Every structure is written in C-alpha cells, then in structure tokens.
C-alpha cells in the first residue's frame, strides 16, 4: 500500500512485512522456536476454555495462528484473548501498551508508536481515545502478574478462560 507523506509517496508497512522483519530478527538472534499454536488442536478444546476462546478469536477475525519466529510473536493472539483487546487498530495499540507495562520491549514500543501514528493519520478523531486506552492498558500491564516471555499457554489451553485470566490478575 502506498501513502503520501510530506509530498512524497512511500510504501506503508503492512502486517506481513512487519512479521517478516520480526522473523528475520528472530532467526538472526537464534531465538526462533518451533510452531507452538495448532489451530486444529485449539478448536477441539472444551467450550469456555482458554484454548477454545483462542481458536474462536482466530476464526472470528479470519486469522491464522502465527507459527514462526519468536515465542512472544507466536503467542500474540493469545494475549488478545487474555486481555480482551480486539484486533482493531486501537485494540492492537492497547495490546502493545499492555505488553510494555507487563515487560518492556523495544519491539513492542516501536509497534505501539507505529500503531498510534497510523491511528493519528487514518483515524484522527480517535487519537485521543486511543491514547487514553493505551495508558489504561499500560497500567493494567504493570499491575498484572504476566510475563510475555515466559508464560506457557500450551499448559493452560484446557482451563476455563476466566481461571487463566485470574492466574495473571487480569
């Protein structure tokens, strides 16, 4: 996609391009992990479970699981499910702010700022709301018991979603 900025046409980053960059960083740093999320296994989880909620989130948003790169990247959609933040631009910004509060990462900071910039350009009337919601999400991340680098959702898929949220004080 091309956008105009300062009278110049530039190529706007897209999700696939960003994922490719993240995968390249993961590979270069030796932090690639094998595929964690298998949608078919999640679809067979019991109704009301964390795993079933994850499968429903992917299906409802017409998404495929992230299956390459860093562990943190592959588990991204599960954090949406845990937090309840949707996949809209503001929901993505909230998720990144939450992750920054839970455990700082330069990558999450860059994604959060890029998402907020995109909201400001494409949805200018929602910028103030996005900033307010991001601040609340950041504070929520600071007050929870969630480490995005070490949590093991594959051990939690069978549990009720509310029990998993309670485990992390969400």
Protein backbone atom coordinates (compact mmCIF):
# COMPACT_ATOMS: atom_id res chain seq x y z
CA UNK A 1 0.00 0.00 0.00
CA UNK A 2 1.29 3.48 -0.85
CA UNK A 3 0.67 6.55 1.26
CA UNK A 4 1.52 10.22 0.86
CA UNK A 5 3.72 11.85 3.45
CA UNK A 6 5.37 15.27 3.11
CA UNK A 7 4.54 15.36 -0.61
CA UNK A 8 6.36 12.05 -1.15
CA UNK A 9 4.85 8.66 -1.86
CA UNK A 10 6.16 5.95 0.44
CA UNK A 11 5.33 2.31 0.91
CA UNK A 12 3.41 1.80 4.15
CA UNK A 13 4.41 -1.19 6.26
CA UNK A 14 1.87 -3.98 6.44
CA UNK A 15 1.44 -6.80 8.91
CA UNK A 16 3.11 -9.37 6.64
CA UNK A 17 6.10 -7.09 6.12
CA UNK A 18 6.40 -6.49 9.84
CA UNK A 19 6.15 -10.24 10.56
CA UNK A 20 8.93 -10.90 8.02
CA UNK A 21 11.18 -8.35 9.75
CA UNK A 22 10.44 -9.90 13.15
CA UNK A 23 11.13 -13.39 11.79
CA UNK A 24 14.45 -12.22 10.33
CA UNK A 25 15.42 -10.74 13.72
CA UNK A 26 14.38 -13.96 15.42
CA UNK A 27 16.42 -16.09 13.07
CA UNK A 28 19.48 -13.82 13.25
CA UNK A 29 19.43 -13.87 17.05
CA UNK A 30 18.93 -17.64 17.22
CA UNK A 31 15.62 -17.25 19.05
CA UNK A 32 13.37 -18.99 16.54
CA UNK A 33 11.14 -21.56 18.17
CA UNK A 34 9.14 -24.40 16.65
CA UNK A 35 5.44 -23.85 15.97
CA UNK A 36 3.50 -23.55 19.22
CA UNK A 37 -0.11 -22.90 18.22
CA UNK A 38 -2.00 -25.51 16.21
CA UNK A 39 -5.48 -24.24 15.36
CA UNK A 40 -7.00 -27.70 14.95
CA UNK A 41 -5.97 -28.68 18.48
CA UNK A 42 -7.44 -25.45 19.85
CA UNK A 43 -10.72 -25.99 18.01
CA UNK A 44 -11.17 -29.29 19.86
CA UNK A 45 -10.76 -27.71 23.28
CA UNK A 46 -13.82 -27.60 25.52
CA UNK A 47 -16.25 -24.69 25.14
CA UNK A 48 -15.35 -21.93 27.63
CA UNK A 49 -11.70 -22.97 27.78
CA UNK A 50 -8.80 -20.67 27.03
CA UNK A 51 -7.85 -22.81 24.03
CA UNK A 52 -11.35 -22.71 22.55
CA UNK A 53 -11.50 -18.93 23.11
CA UNK A 54 -8.16 -18.60 21.24
CA UNK A 55 -9.49 -20.67 18.32
CA UNK A 56 -12.70 -18.59 18.29
CA UNK A 57 -10.67 -15.35 18.28
CA UNK A 58 -8.69 -16.53 15.25
CA UNK A 59 -11.78 -17.79 13.44
CA UNK A 60 -13.92 -14.73 14.27
CA UNK A 61 -11.19 -12.43 12.93
CA UNK A 62 -10.40 -14.64 9.92
CA UNK A 63 -6.81 -15.08 11.14
CA UNK A 64 -4.34 -17.92 11.01
CA UNK A 65 -2.12 -18.62 14.02
CA UNK A 66 1.33 -17.07 13.98
CA UNK A 67 3.60 -20.08 13.59
CA UNK A 68 7.12 -18.74 13.04
CA UNK A 69 9.70 -16.66 14.83
CA UNK A 70 9.99 -15.61 18.44
CA UNK A 71 7.84 -17.32 21.05
CA UNK A 72 6.44 -13.91 22.02
CA UNK A 73 5.28 -13.30 18.43
CA UNK A 74 3.64 -16.71 18.09
CA UNK A 75 1.67 -16.16 21.31
CA UNK A 76 0.46 -12.67 20.35
CA UNK A 77 -3.14 -13.67 19.62
CA UNK A 78 -3.38 -15.47 22.94
CA UNK A 79 -2.61 -12.19 24.69
CA UNK A 80 -5.55 -10.65 22.81
CA UNK A 81 -7.73 -13.42 24.24
CA UNK A 82 -6.38 -13.00 27.78
CA UNK A 83 -6.78 -9.23 27.81
CA UNK A 84 -9.94 -8.96 25.75
CA UNK A 85 -8.38 -6.35 23.45
CA UNK A 86 -9.80 -6.73 19.95
CA UNK A 87 -7.86 -6.75 16.68
CA UNK A 88 -8.87 -3.22 15.61
CA UNK A 89 -6.11 -0.60 15.35
CA UNK A 90 -6.95 0.72 18.83
CA UNK A 91 -7.12 -2.84 20.18
CA UNK A 92 -3.64 -3.52 18.77
CA UNK A 93 -2.35 -0.32 20.33
CA UNK A 94 -3.86 -1.33 23.67
CA UNK A 95 -2.24 -4.75 23.43
CA UNK A 96 1.19 -3.27 22.75
CA UNK A 97 0.79 -0.82 25.65
CA UNK A 98 -0.28 -3.69 27.93
CA UNK A 99 2.81 -5.68 26.93
CA UNK A 100 5.01 -2.65 27.58
CA UNK A 101 3.56 -2.41 31.07
CA UNK A 102 3.96 -6.12 31.72
CA UNK A 103 7.57 -6.31 30.47
CA UNK A 104 9.30 -3.62 28.47
CA UNK A 105 10.45 -4.49 24.95
CA UNK A 106 11.81 -2.10 22.34
CA UNK A 107 9.93 -4.03 19.67
CA UNK A 108 6.61 -3.53 21.48
CA UNK A 109 7.43 0.16 21.92
CA UNK A 110 8.13 0.52 18.20
CA UNK A 111 4.93 -1.31 17.26
CA UNK A 112 2.87 0.72 19.74
CA UNK A 113 4.23 4.02 18.41
CA UNK A 114 3.75 2.91 14.81
CA UNK A 115 0.18 1.85 15.53
CA UNK A 116 -0.59 5.12 17.27
CA UNK A 117 0.90 7.04 14.35
CA UNK A 118 -1.27 5.04 11.94
CA UNK A 119 -4.36 5.80 14.06
CA UNK A 120 -3.46 9.50 14.10
CA UNK A 121 -3.16 9.55 10.30
CA UNK A 122 -6.07 7.29 9.34
CA UNK A 123 -8.45 7.78 12.28
CA UNK A 124 -7.60 11.26 13.58
CA UNK A 125 -10.86 11.62 15.50
CA UNK A 126 -9.92 8.51 17.54
CA UNK A 127 -6.40 9.57 18.52
CA UNK A 128 -7.34 10.95 21.94
CA UNK A 129 -9.39 7.84 22.77
CA UNK A 130 -6.51 5.61 21.61
CA UNK A 131 -4.01 7.42 23.86
CA UNK A 132 -6.32 7.18 26.86
CA UNK A 133 -6.99 3.49 26.27
CA UNK A 134 -3.28 2.82 25.75
CA UNK A 135 -2.45 4.48 29.08
CA UNK A 136 -5.04 2.31 30.88
CA UNK A 137 -3.69 -0.78 29.12
CA UNK A 138 -0.12 0.12 30.13
CA UNK A 139 -1.20 0.50 33.77
CA UNK A 140 -3.05 -2.81 33.57
CA UNK A 141 0.13 -4.45 32.29
CA UNK A 142 2.12 -3.00 35.19
CA UNK A 143 -0.32 -4.32 37.78
CA UNK A 144 -0.70 -7.86 36.44
CA UNK A 145 1.34 -10.98 37.05
CA UNK A 146 2.07 -11.70 33.38
CA UNK A 147 5.43 -12.19 31.71
CA UNK A 148 5.02 -12.36 27.91
CA UNK A 149 8.40 -14.10 27.58
CA UNK A 150 7.82 -16.96 29.99
CA UNK A 151 4.10 -17.75 30.12
CA UNK A 152 3.17 -21.19 28.81
CA UNK A 153 -0.30 -21.10 27.27
CA UNK A 154 0.09 -24.62 25.95
CA UNK A 155 -0.24 -25.77 29.58
CA UNK A 156 -3.36 -23.61 30.06
CA UNK A 157 -5.45 -24.27 26.95
CA UNK A 158 -7.70 -26.78 28.75
CA UNK A 159 -8.51 -24.41 31.64
CA UNK A 160 -11.53 -22.10 31.72
CA UNK A 161 -10.64 -18.69 30.26
CA UNK A 162 -11.65 -16.88 33.46
CA UNK A 163 -9.35 -19.11 35.52
CA UNK A 164 -6.42 -18.30 33.23
CA UNK A 165 -7.16 -14.58 33.45
CA UNK A 166 -7.33 -14.85 37.25
CA UNK A 167 -3.92 -16.60 37.30
CA UNK A 168 -2.37 -13.47 35.77
CA UNK A 169 -4.54 -10.99 37.72
CA UNK A 170 -6.29 -9.88 34.56
